[in-house]
Amino acid sequence: MQLSGTLATPSGRGPFPVALIIAGSGPTDRDGNNPQAKTDAYKLLAAALAARGIATLRYDKRGVGASRTRQHESGLRFDDFVADAVALTRYLESTKQFSSVSIVGHSEGSLIGILAAQRDPNVRALVSIAGAGRRAPEVLEEQFRAGGIAPAMASEVAQYDRSLLAGQAVPSPDPELLMLFRPSVQPYLISWYKYDPAAEIAKLTIPVLIVQGTTDLHVNVTDANRLAAADPHAKLAIIQGMNHVLRVAPADRAQNIATYNDPTLPLDPQAVSTIADFLRAP
């Protein structure tokens, strides 16, 4: 599998610390964009960190952007993304160009980063941004309800999730739910659902920073608190008024989502400085 990415380095003389930026769920590319949103969140974060003396590697996940693969989605598993992240941290370590290698995982990338940090003992630190603190089906069901899904359909989603948690495929999902539960993607969901992020983060012994915005429509402060409770040594940064794409945004759903397609908006400055200070720490 050949992955394509962008290495951003600060000006001046190194060696610099470097962070691997891991994207969130779906077809989100190295810059933080997907067919439904153009945020440039990771591109802007990389530039902001470079200005503060921190290098980054951001990449297109397998099957996204320039990281093309012939692998059909029916063969994809969550651990494939973890293995890719580990391969990239080990690549960064092998170059001998950097003073340390850390991981910054956003949304689903938080759990990928947690598992990758478990598997690569040379990773120095982990930043979890908008990471779920509960198993994926619980978070997804909450998102469905917040989006106004009909009660009958919400019950159907919960029923499917119970089957997938038990490792059992759903043979004939409702046509209205095929986008998420189509048979070819169910093996991936089963492989993802088995992980409890709080239980996994508790296994880490490296420095951890948990960053969560209060106007995030997808993950909430409860998730961040659950992660922090599982890792008592972790630093917890609750950013007032920051949404899922790292922008200052109101709680109003329509106004909040409007920021997802305005890449000219700056990233939340408190989030950027908090992440940079943590990654620069000795």
C-alpha atoms as a PDB file:
ATOM      1  CA  MET A   1       0.000   0.000   0.000  1.00  0.00           C
ATOM      2  CA  GLN A   2       1.485   3.351  -1.070  1.00  0.00           C
ATOM      3  CA  LEU A   3       0.305   6.377   0.895  1.00  0.00           C
ATOM      4  CA  SER A   4       0.611   9.957  -0.299  1.00  0.00           C
ATOM      5  CA  GLY A   5       1.161  12.833   2.082  1.00  0.00           C
ATOM      6  CA  THR A   6       2.634  16.264   2.687  1.00  0.00           C
ATOM      7  CA  LEU A   7       5.570  16.945   4.982  1.00  0.00           C
ATOM      8  CA  ALA A   8       5.564  20.517   6.302  1.00  0.00           C
ATOM      9  CA  THR A   9       8.723  21.700   8.041  1.00  0.00           C
ATOM     10  CA  PRO A  10       9.534  24.927   9.864  1.00  0.00           C
ATOM     11  CA  SER A  11      12.054  27.382   8.495  1.00  0.00           C
ATOM     12  CA  GLY A  12      15.457  27.450  10.137  1.00  0.00           C
ATOM     13  CA  ARG A  13      17.684  24.663  11.352  1.00  0.00           C
ATOM     14  CA  GLY A  14      16.419  21.511  12.973  1.00  0.00           C
ATOM     15  CA  PRO A  15      16.063  18.940  14.156  1.00  0.00           C
ATOM     16  CA  PHE A  16      12.424  19.754  14.873  1.00  0.00           C
ATOM     17  CA  PRO A  17       9.757  17.687  16.580  1.00  0.00           C
ATOM     18  CA  VAL A  18       7.324  16.195  14.077  1.00  0.00           C
ATOM     19  CA  ALA A  19       3.694  15.152  14.428  1.00  0.00           C
ATOM     20  CA  LEU A  20       1.728  12.744  12.256  1.00  0.00           C
ATOM     21  CA  ILE A  21      -1.741  14.208  11.620  1.00  0.00           C
ATOM     22  CA  ILE A  22      -4.405  11.494  11.272  1.00  0.00           C
ATOM     23  CA  ALA A  23      -7.676  12.440   9.595  1.00  0.00           C
ATOM     24  CA  GLY A  24     -11.206  11.752  10.773  1.00  0.00           C
ATOM     25  CA  SER A  25     -13.781   9.370   9.361  1.00  0.00           C
ATOM     26  CA  GLY A  26     -15.005   8.930   5.814  1.00  0.00           C
ATOM     27  CA  PRO A  27     -13.254  10.182   2.671  1.00  0.00           C
ATOM     28  CA  THR A  28     -11.462  12.994   4.521  1.00  0.00           C
ATOM     29  CA  ASP A  29      -8.165  13.875   2.877  1.00  0.00           C
ATOM     30  CA  ARG A  30      -4.848  15.159   4.168  1.00  0.00           C
ATOM     31  CA  ASP A  31      -6.103  18.755   4.247  1.00  0.00           C
ATOM     32  CA  GLY A  32      -9.277  17.957   6.194  1.00  0.00           C
ATOM     33  CA  ASN A  33     -11.622  18.043   3.201  1.00  0.00           C
ATOM     34  CA  ASN A  34     -14.233  15.629   1.857  1.00  0.00           C
ATOM     35  CA  PRO A  35     -17.066  15.794  -0.689  1.00  0.00           C
ATOM     36  CA  GLN A  36     -19.380  17.391   1.876  1.00  0.00           C
ATOM     37  CA  ALA A  37     -16.957  19.868   3.450  1.00  0.00           C
ATOM     38  CA  LYS A  38     -13.963  21.985   2.530  1.00  0.00           C
ATOM     39  CA  THR A  39     -12.383  22.988   5.823  1.00  0.00           C
ATOM     40  CA  ASP A  40      -8.619  22.919   5.156  1.00  0.00           C
ATOM     41  CA  ALA A  41      -8.414  22.244   8.904  1.00  0.00           C
ATOM     42  CA  TYR A  42      -5.345  19.988   8.761  1.00  0.00           C
ATOM     43  CA  LYS A  43      -3.609  22.137   6.168  1.00  0.00           C
ATOM     44  CA  LEU A  44      -4.069  25.205   8.359  1.00  0.00           C
ATOM     45  CA  LEU A  45      -3.010  23.299  11.473  1.00  0.00           C
ATOM     46  CA  ALA A  46       0.174  22.136   9.748  1.00  0.00           C
ATOM     47  CA  ALA A  47       1.003  25.719   8.735  1.00  0.00           C
ATOM     48  CA  ALA A  48       0.306  27.014  12.242  1.00  0.00           C
ATOM     49  CA  LEU A  49       2.495  24.360  13.831  1.00  0.00           C
ATOM     50  CA  ALA A  50       5.322  24.963  11.336  1.00  0.00           C
ATOM     51  CA  ALA A  51       5.261  28.641  12.311  1.00  0.00           C
ATOM     52  CA  ARG A  52       5.791  27.482  15.898  1.00  0.00           C
ATOM     53  CA  GLY A  53       8.721  25.192  15.142  1.00  0.00           C
ATOM     54  CA  ILE A  54       6.895  21.872  14.710  1.00  0.00           C
ATOM     55  CA  ALA A  55       7.003  19.759  11.557  1.00  0.00           C
ATOM     56  CA  THR A  56       4.010  17.687  10.486  1.00  0.00           C
ATOM     57  CA  LEU A  57       3.190  14.876   8.102  1.00  0.00           C
ATOM     58  CA  ARG A  58      -0.427  14.771   6.977  1.00  0.00           C
ATOM     59  CA  TYR A  59      -1.585  12.116   4.553  1.00  0.00           C
ATOM     60  CA  ASP A  60      -4.461  10.763   2.519  1.00  0.00           C
ATOM     61  CA  LYS A  61      -5.787   7.586   4.116  1.00  0.00           C
ATOM     62  CA  ARG A  62      -5.836   4.484   1.957  1.00  0.00           C
ATOM     63  CA  GLY A  63      -8.546   4.811  -0.675  1.00  0.00           C
ATOM     64  CA  VAL A  64      -8.716   8.601  -0.286  1.00  0.00           C
ATOM     65  CA  GLY A  65      -7.202  11.325  -2.477  1.00  0.00           C
ATOM     66  CA  ALA A  66      -3.862  10.262  -3.924  1.00  0.00           C
ATOM     67  CA  SER A  67      -3.583   7.161  -1.705  1.00  0.00           C
ATOM     68  CA  ARG A  68      -5.306   4.931  -4.207  1.00  0.00           C
ATOM     69  CA  THR A  69      -5.840   1.254  -3.538  1.00  0.00           C
ATOM     70  CA  ARG A  70      -7.346  -1.672  -5.390  1.00  0.00           C
ATOM     71  CA  GLN A  71      -8.659  -2.992  -2.099  1.00  0.00           C
ATOM     72  CA  HIS A  72     -12.448  -3.218  -2.152  1.00  0.00           C
ATOM     73  CA  GLU A  73     -14.188  -1.703   0.853  1.00  0.00           C
ATOM     74  CA  SER A  74     -15.448  -5.153   1.825  1.00  0.00           C
ATOM     75  CA  GLY A  75     -11.852  -6.072   2.641  1.00  0.00           C
ATOM     76  CA  LEU A  76     -11.070  -2.947   4.636  1.00  0.00           C
ATOM     77  CA  ARG A  77     -10.659  -3.178   8.403  1.00  0.00           C
ATOM     78  CA  PHE A  78     -10.107  -0.524  11.055  1.00  0.00           C
ATOM     79  CA  ASP A  79      -6.730  -2.043  11.891  1.00  0.00           C
ATOM     80  CA  ASP A  80      -5.606  -1.336   8.316  1.00  0.00           C
ATOM     81  CA  PHE A  81      -5.721   2.384   9.145  1.00  0.00           C
ATOM     82  CA  VAL A  82      -3.839   1.729  12.377  1.00  0.00           C
ATOM     83  CA  ALA A  83      -1.156  -0.226  10.520  1.00  0.00           C
ATOM     84  CA  ASP A  84      -0.781   2.629   8.021  1.00  0.00           C
ATOM     85  CA  ALA A  85      -0.312   5.147  10.834  1.00  0.00           C
ATOM     86  CA  VAL A  86       2.308   2.942  12.488  1.00  0.00           C
ATOM     87  CA  ALA A  87       4.152   2.585   9.180  1.00  0.00           C
ATOM     88  CA  LEU A  88       4.277   6.368   8.889  1.00  0.00           C
ATOM     89  CA  THR A  89       5.499   7.006  12.451  1.00  0.00           C
ATOM     90  CA  ARG A  90       8.221   4.433  11.881  1.00  0.00           C
ATOM     91  CA  TYR A  91       9.104   6.096   8.599  1.00  0.00           C
ATOM     92  CA  LEU A  92       9.477   9.451  10.355  1.00  0.00           C
ATOM     93  CA  GLU A  93      11.648   7.836  13.019  1.00  0.00           C
ATOM     94  CA  SER A  94      13.817   6.136  10.398  1.00  0.00           C
ATOM     95  CA  THR A  95      14.723   9.408   8.679  1.00  0.00           C
ATOM     96  CA  LYS A  96      16.677  10.597  11.742  1.00  0.00           C
ATOM     97  CA  GLN A  97      15.624  14.143  10.794  1.00  0.00           C
ATOM     98  CA  PHE A  98      13.420  14.872  13.797  1.00  0.00           C
ATOM     99  CA  SER A  99      13.985  15.280  17.509  1.00  0.00           C
ATOM    100  CA  SER A 100      10.815  13.340  18.349  1.00  0.00           C
ATOM    101  CA  VAL A 101       7.730  11.844  16.693  1.00  0.00           C
ATOM    102  CA  SER A 102       4.226  12.448  18.059  1.00  0.00           C
ATOM    103  CA  ILE A 103       0.694  11.791  16.812  1.00  0.00           C
ATOM    104  CA  VAL A 104      -2.206  14.219  16.370  1.00  0.00           C
ATOM    105  CA  GLY A 105      -5.467  12.362  15.718  1.00  0.00           C
ATOM    106  CA  HIS A 106      -8.725  14.121  14.889  1.00  0.00           C
ATOM    107  CA  SER A 107     -12.174  12.564  15.400  1.00  0.00           C
ATOM    108  CA  GLU A 108     -11.919   8.919  14.262  1.00  0.00           C
ATOM    109  CA  GLY A 109      -8.208   9.612  13.851  1.00  0.00           C
ATOM    110  CA  SER A 110      -8.000   9.935  17.631  1.00  0.00           C
ATOM    111  CA  LEU A 111      -8.689   6.229  18.135  1.00  0.00           C
ATOM    112  CA  ILE A 112      -6.415   5.324  15.223  1.00  0.00           C
ATOM    113  CA  GLY A 113      -3.702   7.406  16.878  1.00  0.00           C
ATOM    114  CA  ILE A 114      -4.249   5.826  20.295  1.00  0.00           C
ATOM    115  CA  LEU A 115      -3.858   2.340  18.854  1.00  0.00           C
ATOM    116  CA  ALA A 116      -0.869   3.361  16.724  1.00  0.00           C
ATOM    117  CA  ALA A 117       0.865   4.826  19.788  1.00  0.00           C
ATOM    118  CA  GLN A 118       0.345   1.510  21.580  1.00  0.00           C
ATOM    119  CA  ARG A 119       2.020  -0.339  18.734  1.00  0.00           C
ATOM    120  CA  ASP A 120       4.969   1.999  18.172  1.00  0.00           C
ATOM    121  CA  PRO A 121       6.856   2.409  21.462  1.00  0.00           C
ATOM    122  CA  ASN A 122       8.959   5.234  20.015  1.00  0.00           C
ATOM    123  CA  VAL A 123       6.032   7.654  19.689  1.00  0.00           C
ATOM    124  CA  ARG A 124       6.700  10.439  22.198  1.00  0.00           C
ATOM    125  CA  ALA A 125       3.236  11.900  22.743  1.00  0.00           C
ATOM    126  CA  LEU A 126      -0.366  11.875  21.541  1.00  0.00           C
ATOM    127  CA  VAL A 127      -2.869  14.665  20.902  1.00  0.00           C
ATOM    128  CA  SER A 128      -6.511  13.616  20.675  1.00  0.00           C
ATOM    129  CA  ILE A 129      -8.718  16.283  19.048  1.00  0.00           C
ATOM    130  CA  ALA A 130     -12.487  15.739  19.152  1.00  0.00           C
ATOM    131  CA  GLY A 131     -11.951  12.075  19.907  1.00  0.00           C
ATOM    132  CA  ALA A 132     -14.865   9.908  20.968  1.00  0.00           C
ATOM    133  CA  GLY A 133     -14.697   8.572  24.498  1.00  0.00           C
ATOM    134  CA  ARG A 134     -17.298   5.893  23.811  1.00  0.00           C
ATOM    135  CA  ARG A 135     -17.632   3.050  21.359  1.00  0.00           C
ATOM    136  CA  ALA A 136     -18.482   4.201  17.842  1.00  0.00           C
ATOM    137  CA  PRO A 137     -22.100   2.968  17.721  1.00  0.00           C
ATOM    138  CA  GLU A 138     -23.073   4.983  20.797  1.00  0.00           C
ATOM    139  CA  VAL A 139     -21.644   8.162  19.264  1.00  0.00           C
ATOM    140  CA  LEU A 140     -23.221   7.469  15.862  1.00  0.00           C
ATOM    141  CA  GLU A 141     -26.638   6.881  17.380  1.00  0.00           C
ATOM    142  CA  GLU A 142     -26.376  10.160  19.278  1.00  0.00           C
ATOM    143  CA  GLN A 143     -25.456  11.954  16.042  1.00  0.00           C
ATOM    144  CA  PHE A 144     -28.469  10.414  14.288  1.00  0.00           C
ATOM    145  CA  ARG A 145     -30.787  11.642  17.037  1.00  0.00           C
ATOM    146  CA  ALA A 146     -29.261  15.130  16.987  1.00  0.00           C
ATOM    147  CA  GLY A 147     -29.802  15.247  13.228  1.00  0.00           C
ATOM    148  CA  GLY A 148     -33.530  14.708  13.647  1.00  0.00           C
ATOM    149  CA  ILE A 149     -33.781  11.064  12.586  1.00  0.00           C
ATOM    150  CA  ALA A 150     -37.275   9.579  12.986  1.00  0.00           C
ATOM    151  CA  PRO A 151     -37.705   7.562  16.225  1.00  0.00           C
ATOM    152  CA  ALA A 152     -38.567   4.384  14.311  1.00  0.00           C
ATOM    153  CA  MET A 153     -35.400   4.661  12.241  1.00  0.00           C
ATOM    154  CA  ALA A 154     -33.314   5.477  15.332  1.00  0.00           C
ATOM    155  CA  SER A 155     -34.576   2.219  16.827  1.00  0.00           C
ATOM    156  CA  GLU A 156     -33.565   0.396  13.651  1.00  0.00           C
ATOM    157  CA  VAL A 157     -30.063   1.897  13.785  1.00  0.00           C
ATOM    158  CA  ALA A 158     -29.705   0.750  17.391  1.00  0.00           C
ATOM    159  CA  GLN A 159     -30.818  -2.749  16.409  1.00  0.00           C
ATOM    160  CA  TYR A 160     -28.214  -2.910  13.629  1.00  0.00           C
ATOM    161  CA  ASP A 161     -25.528  -1.679  15.981  1.00  0.00           C
ATOM    162  CA  ARG A 162     -26.312  -4.387  18.523  1.00  0.00           C
ATOM    163  CA  SER A 163     -25.859  -7.017  15.822  1.00  0.00           C
ATOM    164  CA  LEU A 164     -22.581  -5.531  14.609  1.00  0.00           C
ATOM    165  CA  LEU A 165     -21.257  -5.224  18.176  1.00  0.00           C
ATOM    166  CA  ALA A 166     -21.893  -8.936  18.509  1.00  0.00           C
ATOM    167  CA  GLY A 167     -19.930  -9.522  15.300  1.00  0.00           C
ATOM    168  CA  GLN A 168     -23.025 -10.417  13.294  1.00  0.00           C
ATOM    169  CA  ALA A 169     -23.726  -8.832   9.907  1.00  0.00           C
ATOM    170  CA  VAL A 170     -27.100  -7.305   9.035  1.00  0.00           C
ATOM    171  CA  PRO A 171     -28.158  -9.117   5.827  1.00  0.00           C
ATOM    172  CA  SER A 172     -30.824  -6.729   4.496  1.00  0.00           C
ATOM    173  CA  PRO A 173     -30.528  -3.218   5.938  1.00  0.00           C
ATOM    174  CA  ASP A 174     -33.224  -0.633   5.329  1.00  0.00           C
ATOM    175  CA  PRO A 175     -32.578   1.077   1.948  1.00  0.00           C
ATOM    176  CA  GLU A 176     -32.671   4.450   3.717  1.00  0.00           C
ATOM    177  CA  LEU A 177     -29.739   3.335   5.887  1.00  0.00           C
ATOM    178  CA  LEU A 178     -27.590   1.771   3.169  1.00  0.00           C
ATOM    179  CA  MET A 179     -25.134   4.678   3.161  1.00  0.00           C
ATOM    180  CA  LEU A 180     -23.876   3.618   6.583  1.00  0.00           C
ATOM    181  CA  PHE A 181     -24.912  -0.034   6.820  1.00  0.00           C
ATOM    182  CA  ARG A 182     -24.434  -1.382   3.279  1.00  0.00           C
ATOM    183  CA  PRO A 183     -23.257  -5.017   3.479  1.00  0.00           C
ATOM    184  CA  SER A 184     -19.839  -4.272   1.976  1.00  0.00           C
ATOM    185  CA  VAL A 185     -18.950  -1.848   4.778  1.00  0.00           C
ATOM    186  CA  GLN A 186     -20.295  -3.895   7.670  1.00  0.00           C
ATOM    187  CA  PRO A 187     -17.043  -5.882   8.175  1.00  0.00           C
ATOM    188  CA  TYR A 188     -15.278  -2.547   8.682  1.00  0.00           C
ATOM    189  CA  LEU A 189     -17.907  -1.409  11.183  1.00  0.00           C
ATOM    190  CA  ILE A 190     -17.546  -4.661  13.126  1.00  0.00           C
ATOM    191  CA  SER A 191     -13.769  -4.172  13.277  1.00  0.00           C
ATOM    192  CA  TRP A 192     -14.219  -0.561  14.459  1.00  0.00           C
ATOM    193  CA  TYR A 193     -17.024  -1.134  16.945  1.00  0.00           C
ATOM    194  CA  LYS A 194     -14.985  -3.560  19.038  1.00  0.00           C
ATOM    195  CA  TYR A 195     -12.741  -0.776  20.373  1.00  0.00           C
ATOM    196  CA  ASP A 196     -13.579   1.265  23.458  1.00  0.00           C
ATOM    197  CA  PRO A 197     -11.469   4.450  23.169  1.00  0.00           C
ATOM    198  CA  ALA A 198     -11.389   5.010  26.926  1.00  0.00           C
ATOM    199  CA  ALA A 199     -10.119   1.496  27.570  1.00  0.00           C
ATOM    200  CA  GLU A 200      -7.476   1.909  24.864  1.00  0.00           C
ATOM    201  CA  ILE A 201      -6.199   5.319  25.988  1.00  0.00           C
ATOM    202  CA  ALA A 202      -5.799   3.914  29.494  1.00  0.00           C
ATOM    203  CA  LYS A 203      -3.092   1.607  28.119  1.00  0.00           C
ATOM    204  CA  LEU A 204      -0.825   4.500  27.084  1.00  0.00           C
ATOM    205  CA  THR A 205       2.113   5.573  29.239  1.00  0.00           C
ATOM    206  CA  ILE A 206       3.205   8.524  27.091  1.00  0.00           C
ATOM    207  CA  PRO A 207       2.117  12.180  27.505  1.00  0.00           C
ATOM    208  CA  VAL A 208      -1.422  12.737  26.215  1.00  0.00           C
ATOM    209  CA  LEU A 209      -3.330  15.928  25.433  1.00  0.00           C
ATOM    210  CA  ILE A 210      -7.112  15.742  24.985  1.00  0.00           C
ATOM    211  CA  VAL A 211      -8.617  18.714  23.123  1.00  0.00           C
ATOM    212  CA  GLN A 212     -12.369  19.212  22.855  1.00  0.00           C
ATOM    213  CA  GLY A 213     -14.540  22.121  21.728  1.00  0.00           C
ATOM    214  CA  THR A 214     -17.786  23.000  23.465  1.00  0.00           C
ATOM    215  CA  THR A 215     -19.757  23.622  20.249  1.00  0.00           C
ATOM    216  CA  ASP A 216     -18.739  20.377  18.539  1.00  0.00           C
ATOM    217  CA  LEU A 217     -21.850  18.864  16.913  1.00  0.00           C
ATOM    218  CA  HIS A 218     -20.368  15.373  16.568  1.00  0.00           C
ATOM    219  CA  VAL A 219     -18.447  14.688  19.772  1.00  0.00           C
ATOM    220  CA  ASN A 220     -19.043  16.385  23.099  1.00  0.00           C
ATOM    221  CA  VAL A 221     -17.274  17.295  26.311  1.00  0.00           C
ATOM    222  CA  THR A 222     -18.578  14.119  27.934  1.00  0.00           C
ATOM    223  CA  ASP A 223     -16.366  12.149  25.554  1.00  0.00           C
ATOM    224  CA  ALA A 224     -13.301  14.195  26.455  1.00  0.00           C
ATOM    225  CA  ASN A 225     -14.014  13.780  30.154  1.00  0.00           C
ATOM    226  CA  ARG A 226     -14.354  10.023  29.724  1.00  0.00           C
ATOM    227  CA  LEU A 227     -10.986   9.844  27.965  1.00  0.00           C
ATOM    228  CA  ALA A 228      -9.380  12.013  30.636  1.00  0.00           C
ATOM    229  CA  ALA A 229     -10.838   9.884  33.423  1.00  0.00           C
ATOM    230  CA  ALA A 230      -9.350   6.786  31.807  1.00  0.00           C
ATOM    231  CA  ASP A 231      -5.894   8.397  31.652  1.00  0.00           C
ATOM    232  CA  PRO A 232      -5.425  10.426  34.851  1.00  0.00           C
ATOM    233  CA  HIS A 233      -2.053  11.731  33.656  1.00  0.00           C
ATOM    234  CA  ALA A 234      -3.513  13.221  30.464  1.00  0.00           C
ATOM    235  CA  LYS A 235      -3.918  16.959  30.026  1.00  0.00           C
ATOM    236  CA  LEU A 236      -7.472  18.050  29.215  1.00  0.00           C
ATOM    237  CA  ALA A 237      -8.135  21.242  27.230  1.00  0.00           C
ATOM    238  CA  ILE A 238     -11.781  22.254  26.831  1.00  0.00           C
ATOM    239  CA  ILE A 239     -11.933  25.003  24.203  1.00  0.00           C
ATOM    240  CA  GLN A 240     -14.940  27.255  24.664  1.00  0.00           C
ATOM    241  CA  GLY A 241     -16.854  27.921  21.441  1.00  0.00           C
ATOM    242  CA  MET A 242     -14.768  25.626  19.198  1.00  0.00           C
ATOM    243  CA  ASN A 243     -16.553  23.225  16.844  1.00  0.00           C
ATOM    244  CA  HIS A 244     -15.594  19.938  15.200  1.00  0.00           C
ATOM    245  CA  VAL A 245     -13.533  21.553  12.429  1.00  0.00           C
ATOM    246  CA  LEU A 246     -11.527  23.624  14.928  1.00  0.00           C
ATOM    247  CA  ARG A 247     -13.320  26.901  14.238  1.00  0.00           C
ATOM    248  CA  VAL A 248     -14.939  29.375  16.593  1.00  0.00           C
ATOM    249  CA  ALA A 249     -18.633  28.675  16.014  1.00  0.00           C
ATOM    250  CA  PRO A 250     -21.995  29.098  17.755  1.00  0.00           C
ATOM    251  CA  ALA A 251     -24.030  26.183  19.050  1.00  0.00           C
ATOM    252  CA  ASP A 252     -26.758  26.863  16.462  1.00  0.00           C
ATOM    253  CA  ARG A 253     -26.567  23.887  14.097  1.00  0.00           C
ATOM    254  CA  ALA A 254     -27.018  25.748  10.791  1.00  0.00           C
ATOM    255  CA  GLN A 255     -24.497  28.462  11.637  1.00  0.00           C
ATOM    256  CA  ASN A 256     -22.071  25.907  12.997  1.00  0.00           C
ATOM    257  CA  ILE A 257     -22.191  23.716   9.896  1.00  0.00           C
ATOM    258  CA  ALA A 258     -21.743  26.782   7.688  1.00  0.00           C
ATOM    259  CA  THR A 259     -18.136  26.961   8.921  1.00  0.00           C
ATOM    260  CA  TYR A 260     -17.445  23.549   7.343  1.00  0.00           C
ATOM    261  CA  ASN A 261     -17.292  25.122   3.893  1.00  0.00           C
ATOM    262  CA  ASP A 262     -15.405  28.315   4.618  1.00  0.00           C
ATOM    263  CA  PRO A 263     -11.681  27.487   4.610  1.00  0.00           C
ATOM    264  CA  THR A 264     -10.851  31.198   4.961  1.00  0.00           C
ATOM    265  CA  LEU A 265     -11.919  31.082   8.609  1.00  0.00           C
ATOM    266  CA  PRO A 266      -8.948  30.867  10.987  1.00  0.00           C
ATOM    267  CA  LEU A 267      -8.487  27.985  13.365  1.00  0.00           C
ATOM    268  CA  ASP A 268      -9.347  28.590  16.993  1.00  0.00           C
ATOM    269  CA  PRO A 269      -6.210  30.326  18.343  1.00  0.00           C
ATOM    270  CA  GLN A 270      -6.448  28.763  21.804  1.00  0.00           C
ATOM    271  CA  ALA A 271      -6.544  25.277  20.327  1.00  0.00           C
ATOM    272  CA  VAL A 272      -3.530  25.955  18.125  1.00  0.00           C
ATOM    273  CA  SER A 273      -1.421  27.402  20.949  1.00  0.00           C
ATOM    274  CA  THR A 274      -2.418  24.597  23.336  1.00  0.00           C
ATOM    275  CA  ILE A 275      -1.440  21.898  20.836  1.00  0.00           C
ATOM    276  CA  ALA A 276       1.810  23.636  19.896  1.00  0.00           C
ATOM    277  CA  ASP A 277       2.878  24.158  23.508  1.00  0.00           C
ATOM    278  CA  PHE A 278       2.223  20.505  24.265  1.00  0.00           C
ATOM    279  CA  LEU A 279       4.154  19.210  21.238  1.00  0.00           C
ATOM    280  CA  ARG A 280       7.098  21.504  21.977  1.00  0.00           C
ATOM    281  CA  ALA A 281       7.366  20.400  25.591  1.00  0.00           C
ATOM    282  CA  PRO A 282      10.509  18.414  26.391  1.00  0.00           C
END
